[in-house]
Amino acid sequence: MPRPQGFTHTEHADRTVTIEHHGRAATTLRGPRADRFLAEVAAGDPQLVMARWTGNYRRGHERTAREHPRNRR
């Protein structure tokens, strides 16, 4: 599974964090959720953390679904 890439985050003065994926806003976090997110980014792999918080990450079953007879063309 390839590593996530293309994520950036911006911290704003009002304790809001905006996560972008390839320049487009993916999600906005406010208050305690933003604080938890910033703590996770500081402790781990930022790209992986941002992918998980936005829900934009591969789950590992895409190849299996592509090979299903219903999805073949």
N, C-alpha and C. Protein backbone atom coordinates (compact mmCIF):
# COMPACT_ATOMS: atom_id res chain seq x y z
N MET A 1 0.85 -1.16 0.00
CA MET A 1 0.00 0.00 0.00
C MET A 1 0.90 1.24 0.00
N PRO A 2 0.69 2.16 -0.94
CA PRO A 2 1.55 3.35 -0.99
C PRO A 2 1.30 4.28 0.19
N ARG A 3 2.32 5.02 0.55
CA ARG A 3 2.19 5.98 1.65
C ARG A 3 1.38 7.18 1.18
N PRO A 4 0.54 7.74 2.05
CA PRO A 4 -0.22 8.93 1.66
C PRO A 4 0.70 10.11 1.43
N GLN A 5 0.31 10.98 0.51
CA GLN A 5 1.09 12.17 0.23
C GLN A 5 0.19 13.27 -0.29
N GLY A 6 0.68 14.49 -0.29
CA GLY A 6 -0.08 15.62 -0.80
C GLY A 6 -0.91 16.35 0.23
N PHE A 7 -0.75 16.01 1.51
CA PHE A 7 -1.52 16.67 2.56
C PHE A 7 -0.73 17.82 3.17
N THR A 8 -1.44 18.90 3.50
CA THR A 8 -0.86 20.00 4.25
C THR A 8 -1.90 20.45 5.27
N HIS A 9 -1.44 21.10 6.32
CA HIS A 9 -2.38 21.64 7.28
C HIS A 9 -1.97 23.06 7.65
N THR A 10 -2.99 23.87 7.98
CA THR A 10 -2.78 25.27 8.33
C THR A 10 -3.45 25.53 9.67
N GLU A 11 -2.69 26.09 10.59
CA GLU A 11 -3.24 26.47 11.90
C GLU A 11 -3.65 27.94 11.83
N HIS A 12 -4.85 28.25 12.29
CA HIS A 12 -5.36 29.61 12.30
C HIS A 12 -5.38 30.14 13.73
N ALA A 13 -5.49 31.45 13.88
CA ALA A 13 -5.44 32.10 15.19
C ALA A 13 -6.62 31.72 16.09
N ASP A 14 -7.74 31.34 15.51
CA ASP A 14 -8.93 31.01 16.30
C ASP A 14 -8.99 29.53 16.68
N ARG A 15 -7.82 28.86 16.76
CA ARG A 15 -7.70 27.44 17.12
C ARG A 15 -8.38 26.53 16.10
N THR A 16 -8.44 26.95 14.86
CA THR A 16 -8.99 26.15 13.78
C THR A 16 -7.84 25.61 12.95
N VAL A 17 -7.97 24.36 12.52
CA VAL A 17 -6.97 23.73 11.66
C VAL A 17 -7.66 23.29 10.37
N THR A 18 -7.10 23.70 9.24
CA THR A 18 -7.62 23.28 7.94
C THR A 18 -6.64 22.28 7.34
N ILE A 19 -7.15 21.12 6.94
CA ILE A 19 -6.33 20.10 6.28
C ILE A 19 -6.68 20.14 4.80
N GLU A 20 -5.64 20.25 3.97
CA GLU A 20 -5.81 20.28 2.52
C GLU A 20 -5.14 19.08 1.88
N HIS A 21 -5.72 18.63 0.78
CA HIS A 21 -5.15 17.53 0.02
C HIS A 21 -4.98 18.01 -1.41
N HIS A 22 -3.75 18.11 -1.86
CA HIS A 22 -3.40 18.64 -3.18
C HIS A 22 -4.03 20.01 -3.41
N GLY A 23 -3.97 20.86 -2.38
CA GLY A 23 -4.42 22.24 -2.52
C GLY A 23 -5.91 22.48 -2.31
N ARG A 24 -6.68 21.43 -2.09
CA ARG A 24 -8.12 21.59 -1.87
C ARG A 24 -8.45 21.24 -0.43
N ALA A 25 -9.32 22.04 0.17
CA ALA A 25 -9.69 21.81 1.56
C ALA A 25 -10.38 20.46 1.71
N ALA A 26 -9.87 19.64 2.60
CA ALA A 26 -10.44 18.31 2.83
C ALA A 26 -11.30 18.32 4.09
N THR A 27 -10.86 19.01 5.14
CA THR A 27 -11.63 19.09 6.37
C THR A 27 -11.14 20.25 7.22
N THR A 28 -12.00 20.68 8.14
CA THR A 28 -11.66 21.73 9.09
C THR A 28 -11.94 21.22 10.48
N LEU A 29 -10.97 21.38 11.37
CA LEU A 29 -11.10 20.92 12.75
C LEU A 29 -11.09 22.14 13.67
N ARG A 30 -11.94 22.10 14.70
CA ARG A 30 -12.03 23.20 15.64
C ARG A 30 -11.94 22.69 17.07
N GLY A 31 -11.49 23.55 17.97
CA GLY A 31 -11.50 23.27 19.40
C GLY A 31 -10.67 22.08 19.81
N PRO A 32 -11.25 21.22 20.67
CA PRO A 32 -10.49 20.07 21.19
C PRO A 32 -10.05 19.09 20.10
N ARG A 33 -10.84 18.95 19.05
CA ARG A 33 -10.44 18.04 17.97
C ARG A 33 -9.18 18.56 17.28
N ALA A 34 -9.10 19.87 17.09
CA ALA A 34 -7.91 20.46 16.49
C ALA A 34 -6.69 20.25 17.38
N ASP A 35 -6.87 20.38 18.68
CA ASP A 35 -5.76 20.17 19.62
C ASP A 35 -5.27 18.73 19.57
N ARG A 36 -6.21 17.77 19.54
CA ARG A 36 -5.82 16.35 19.46
C ARG A 36 -5.09 16.07 18.16
N PHE A 37 -5.59 16.65 17.06
CA PHE A 37 -4.95 16.46 15.76
C PHE A 37 -3.51 16.97 15.78
N LEU A 38 -3.30 18.19 16.29
CA LEU A 38 -1.96 18.77 16.33
C LEU A 38 -1.01 17.94 17.18
N ALA A 39 -1.52 17.37 18.27
CA ALA A 39 -0.69 16.50 19.11
C ALA A 39 -0.29 15.24 18.35
N GLU A 40 -1.22 14.66 17.58
CA GLU A 40 -0.90 13.46 16.80
C GLU A 40 0.09 13.75 15.70
N VAL A 41 -0.06 14.90 15.03
CA VAL A 41 0.87 15.26 13.96
C VAL A 41 2.28 15.42 14.51
N ALA A 42 2.40 16.02 15.69
CA ALA A 42 3.71 16.21 16.30
C ALA A 42 4.35 14.88 16.71
N ALA A 43 3.53 13.89 17.05
CA ALA A 43 4.06 12.62 17.56
C ALA A 43 4.32 11.58 16.47
N GLY A 44 3.62 11.67 15.32
CA GLY A 44 3.74 10.61 14.32
C GLY A 44 4.03 11.13 12.93
N ASP A 45 3.77 10.30 11.94
CA ASP A 45 3.96 10.64 10.54
C ASP A 45 2.84 11.61 10.12
N PRO A 46 3.15 12.86 9.81
CA PRO A 46 2.10 13.84 9.51
C PRO A 46 1.21 13.45 8.33
N GLN A 47 1.78 12.88 7.27
CA GLN A 47 0.96 12.52 6.11
C GLN A 47 -0.04 11.43 6.46
N LEU A 48 0.39 10.44 7.20
CA LEU A 48 -0.49 9.36 7.60
C LEU A 48 -1.58 9.84 8.55
N VAL A 49 -1.22 10.72 9.47
CA VAL A 49 -2.20 11.26 10.42
C VAL A 49 -3.25 12.08 9.68
N MET A 50 -2.82 12.93 8.76
CA MET A 50 -3.78 13.76 8.01
C MET A 50 -4.68 12.91 7.13
N ALA A 51 -4.13 11.86 6.53
CA ALA A 51 -4.96 10.97 5.72
C ALA A 51 -6.02 10.29 6.58
N ARG A 52 -5.62 9.87 7.76
CA ARG A 52 -6.58 9.20 8.65
C ARG A 52 -7.66 10.16 9.12
N TRP A 53 -7.28 11.39 9.48
CA TRP A 53 -8.26 12.35 9.98
C TRP A 53 -9.23 12.80 8.90
N THR A 54 -8.82 12.79 7.64
CA THR A 54 -9.73 13.19 6.56
C THR A 54 -10.52 12.00 6.02
N GLY A 55 -10.11 10.79 6.37
CA GLY A 55 -10.79 9.61 5.84
C GLY A 55 -10.31 9.26 4.45
N ASN A 56 -9.27 9.92 3.98
CA ASN A 56 -8.76 9.72 2.63
C ASN A 56 -7.53 8.81 2.68
N TYR A 57 -7.75 7.56 2.92
CA TYR A 57 -6.65 6.62 2.91
C TYR A 57 -7.18 5.29 2.40
N ARG A 58 -6.31 4.49 1.87
CA ARG A 58 -6.72 3.21 1.29
C ARG A 58 -6.94 2.19 2.39
N ARG A 59 -7.89 1.35 2.18
CA ARG A 59 -8.25 0.37 3.18
C ARG A 59 -7.71 -1.03 2.87
N GLY A 60 -7.10 -1.20 1.69
CA GLY A 60 -6.48 -2.46 1.36
C GLY A 60 -7.34 -3.42 0.58
N HIS A 61 -8.60 -3.09 0.34
CA HIS A 61 -9.48 -4.02 -0.36
C HIS A 61 -9.80 -3.56 -1.78
N GLU A 62 -9.17 -2.49 -2.27
CA GLU A 62 -9.49 -1.97 -3.59
C GLU A 62 -9.16 -2.97 -4.70
N ARG A 63 -8.02 -3.65 -4.58
CA ARG A 63 -7.63 -4.60 -5.61
C ARG A 63 -8.61 -5.77 -5.64
N THR A 64 -9.04 -6.22 -4.48
CA THR A 64 -10.00 -7.32 -4.40
C THR A 64 -11.31 -6.92 -5.07
N ALA A 65 -11.78 -5.73 -4.82
CA ALA A 65 -13.03 -5.27 -5.41
C ALA A 65 -12.90 -5.13 -6.92
N ARG A 66 -11.75 -4.69 -7.39
CA ARG A 66 -11.56 -4.51 -8.83
C ARG A 66 -11.62 -5.85 -9.56
N GLU A 67 -11.17 -6.93 -8.91
CA GLU A 67 -11.14 -8.24 -9.51
C GLU A 67 -12.48 -8.99 -9.42
N HIS A 68 -13.44 -8.44 -8.72
CA HIS A 68 -14.74 -9.10 -8.57
C HIS A 68 -15.44 -9.18 -9.93
N PRO A 69 -16.10 -10.32 -10.25
CA PRO A 69 -16.75 -10.48 -11.57
C PRO A 69 -17.74 -9.34 -11.90
N ARG A 70 -18.39 -8.81 -10.91
CA ARG A 70 -19.37 -7.75 -11.17
C ARG A 70 -18.67 -6.48 -11.66
N ASN A 71 -17.42 -6.27 -11.27
CA ASN A 71 -16.69 -5.05 -11.64
C ASN A 71 -15.81 -5.21 -12.86
N ARG A 72 -15.73 -6.39 -13.42
CA ARG A 72 -14.91 -6.61 -14.63
C ARG A 72 -15.68 -6.11 -15.84
N ARG A 73 -14.92 -5.61 -16.81
CA ARG A 73 -15.57 -5.14 -18.06
C ARG A 73 -14.78 -5.56 -19.23
